[in-house]
Protein backbone atom coordinates (compact mmCIF):
# COMPACT_ATOMS: atom_id res chain seq x y z
CA MET A 1 -12.31 -46.11 -41.09
CA GLU A 2 -13.50 -48.73 -43.28
CA GLN A 3 -15.17 -47.45 -46.49
CA THR A 4 -18.04 -49.90 -46.68
CA GLN A 5 -19.53 -48.38 -49.89
CA LYS A 6 -16.11 -49.40 -51.84
CA SER A 7 -15.26 -52.63 -49.69
CA ASN A 8 -16.55 -56.03 -51.37
CA GLU A 9 -16.07 -59.71 -50.64
CA TYR A 10 -12.44 -59.90 -51.83
CA VAL A 11 -10.97 -56.41 -50.71
CA GLN A 12 -11.72 -54.20 -47.72
CA PHE A 13 -10.98 -50.25 -48.35
CA PHE A 14 -9.87 -47.95 -45.46
CA SER A 15 -9.20 -44.31 -45.24
CA GLY A 16 -7.44 -42.15 -42.52
CA GLN A 17 -7.54 -38.39 -41.74
CA GLN A 18 -4.77 -35.53 -42.64
CA LEU A 19 -1.61 -36.19 -40.75
CA ALA A 20 0.96 -33.69 -40.28
CA LEU A 21 4.49 -34.47 -40.85
CA ALA A 22 7.64 -32.85 -39.75
CA GLY A 23 9.22 -30.17 -42.02
CA ASN A 24 5.55 -28.72 -42.97
CA SER A 25 4.43 -31.53 -45.05
CA SER A 26 1.33 -33.78 -44.41
CA ILE A 27 -0.46 -36.87 -45.56
CA VAL A 28 -3.78 -35.70 -47.20
CA LYS A 29 -5.34 -38.77 -47.90
CA ILE A 30 -4.67 -42.44 -46.76
CA ASP A 31 -5.70 -45.23 -48.81
CA LEU A 32 -5.63 -48.77 -47.37
CA ARG A 33 -6.84 -51.58 -49.18
CA LEU A 34 -6.47 -55.41 -47.51
CA PRO A 35 -7.32 -58.44 -48.89
CA ARG A 36 -10.11 -60.54 -47.44
CA ASP A 37 -9.70 -64.11 -46.64
CA THR A 38 -11.33 -66.07 -49.22
CA SER A 39 -10.20 -69.38 -48.44
CA ASN A 40 -13.42 -70.39 -47.50
CA SER A 41 -15.08 -69.38 -50.64
CA ASN A 42 -15.34 -70.78 -54.28
CA SER A 43 -14.08 -67.63 -55.63
CA ASN A 44 -11.33 -67.08 -58.11
CA SER A 45 -9.94 -64.03 -56.69
CA ASN A 46 -6.17 -63.31 -56.44
CA SER A 47 -5.31 -64.88 -53.16
CA ASN A 48 -1.42 -63.64 -53.27
CA SER A 49 -2.44 -60.12 -52.69
CA LYS A 50 -0.87 -58.65 -49.87
CA GLY A 51 -2.79 -55.22 -50.22
CA MET A 52 -1.51 -51.62 -50.56
CA LEU A 53 -1.25 -48.52 -48.76
CA ALA A 54 -1.62 -45.17 -50.60
CA LEU A 55 -0.57 -41.78 -49.27
CA ASP A 56 -0.97 -38.51 -50.86
CA VAL A 57 1.33 -35.64 -49.77
CA ASP A 58 1.37 -31.95 -49.68
CA GLY A 59 3.03 -29.29 -48.15
CA LYS A 60 6.56 -28.71 -48.32
CA CYS A 61 7.81 -30.00 -51.96
CA ILE A 62 9.90 -33.25 -51.67
CA THR A 63 11.68 -33.59 -55.19
CA VAL A 64 12.95 -36.35 -57.35
CA GLN A 65 16.31 -35.81 -56.45
CA GLN A 66 15.49 -36.15 -52.67
CA VAL A 67 13.83 -39.49 -53.08
CA SER A 68 16.67 -40.64 -55.17
CA GLN A 69 19.28 -39.73 -52.49
CA GLN A 70 17.37 -42.47 -50.15
CA PHE A 71 16.35 -44.46 -53.08
CA SER A 72 19.35 -45.02 -55.64
CA ASP A 73 17.83 -47.80 -57.43
CA LEU A 74 14.55 -45.93 -58.66
CA ALA A 75 13.23 -46.99 -62.16
CA ILE A 76 10.31 -45.07 -64.09
CA THR A 77 7.30 -47.21 -63.87
CA GLY A 78 4.70 -45.26 -65.05
CA VAL A 79 4.43 -41.92 -67.31
CA PRO A 80 1.45 -39.23 -67.80
CA ARG A 81 -0.25 -39.92 -71.12
CA GLY A 82 -2.13 -36.48 -71.07
CA GLY A 83 -5.23 -37.43 -69.61
CA SER A 84 -5.32 -35.42 -66.71
CA LEU A 85 -3.07 -33.18 -64.41
CA GLU A 86 -3.75 -36.00 -61.76
CA GLU A 87 -1.50 -38.45 -64.03
CA ALA A 88 2.10 -39.00 -62.67
CA THR A 89 5.14 -39.92 -63.49
CA THR A 90 5.93 -42.74 -61.44
CA PHE A 91 9.24 -44.30 -59.97
CA THR A 92 9.71 -47.50 -58.01
CA THR A 93 12.09 -49.03 -55.79
CA ASN A 94 12.32 -52.79 -54.87
CA THR A 95 12.88 -53.51 -51.27
CA ALA A 96 13.18 -56.75 -49.27
CA TRP A 97 9.27 -56.73 -48.46
CA GLY A 98 7.93 -55.04 -51.53
CA LYS A 99 7.76 -51.93 -53.76
CA ILE A 100 7.37 -48.48 -53.06
CA SER A 101 6.61 -46.04 -55.71
CA PHE A 102 6.60 -42.31 -55.91
CA GLY A 103 4.27 -40.32 -57.97
CA PHE A 104 5.08 -36.90 -59.19
CA GLN A 105 1.70 -35.67 -60.63
CA GLN A 106 1.61 -33.41 -63.47
CA LYS A 107 -0.25 -30.51 -61.64
CA LYS A 108 3.09 -29.92 -59.53
CA SER A 109 5.46 -32.28 -61.37
CA ASP A 110 8.52 -31.16 -59.55
CA CYS A 111 7.00 -32.56 -56.23
CA LEU A 112 6.25 -35.87 -54.44
CA GLY A 113 2.34 -36.18 -54.97
CA TYR A 114 1.96 -39.63 -53.61
CA LEU A 115 3.35 -42.70 -52.33
CA VAL A 116 2.15 -46.25 -52.88
CA PHE A 117 3.52 -49.43 -50.84
CA ASN A 118 3.04 -52.69 -52.36
CA PRO A 119 4.00 -55.74 -50.01
CA GLY A 120 5.27 -58.96 -51.34
CA GLU A 121 5.78 -57.79 -54.99
């Protein structure tokens, strides 16, 4: 469903409902951001943006080791700075279509907290 209170002339924001996954895991929050076509406007927005999809996960713990078994080229791309338990150590992999980032938040640092898909990066 579009989040009209967040959407603007450059980006449409969408959210989704909780989704059960196999293995006692679930997606508890879906955040999809799509660029609007601004080719007819005089704006200076980043027209190269392809959007992004973020998924918050919960349930059965998915560890860094399990993620690295599927994605062997993970690189640390973000670390917590001590401001919140929501901050995460982020591991990113490059794919043929873009990047996937895996966030392990301080509140449950051994378990995957979210994934972010950035196409075209």
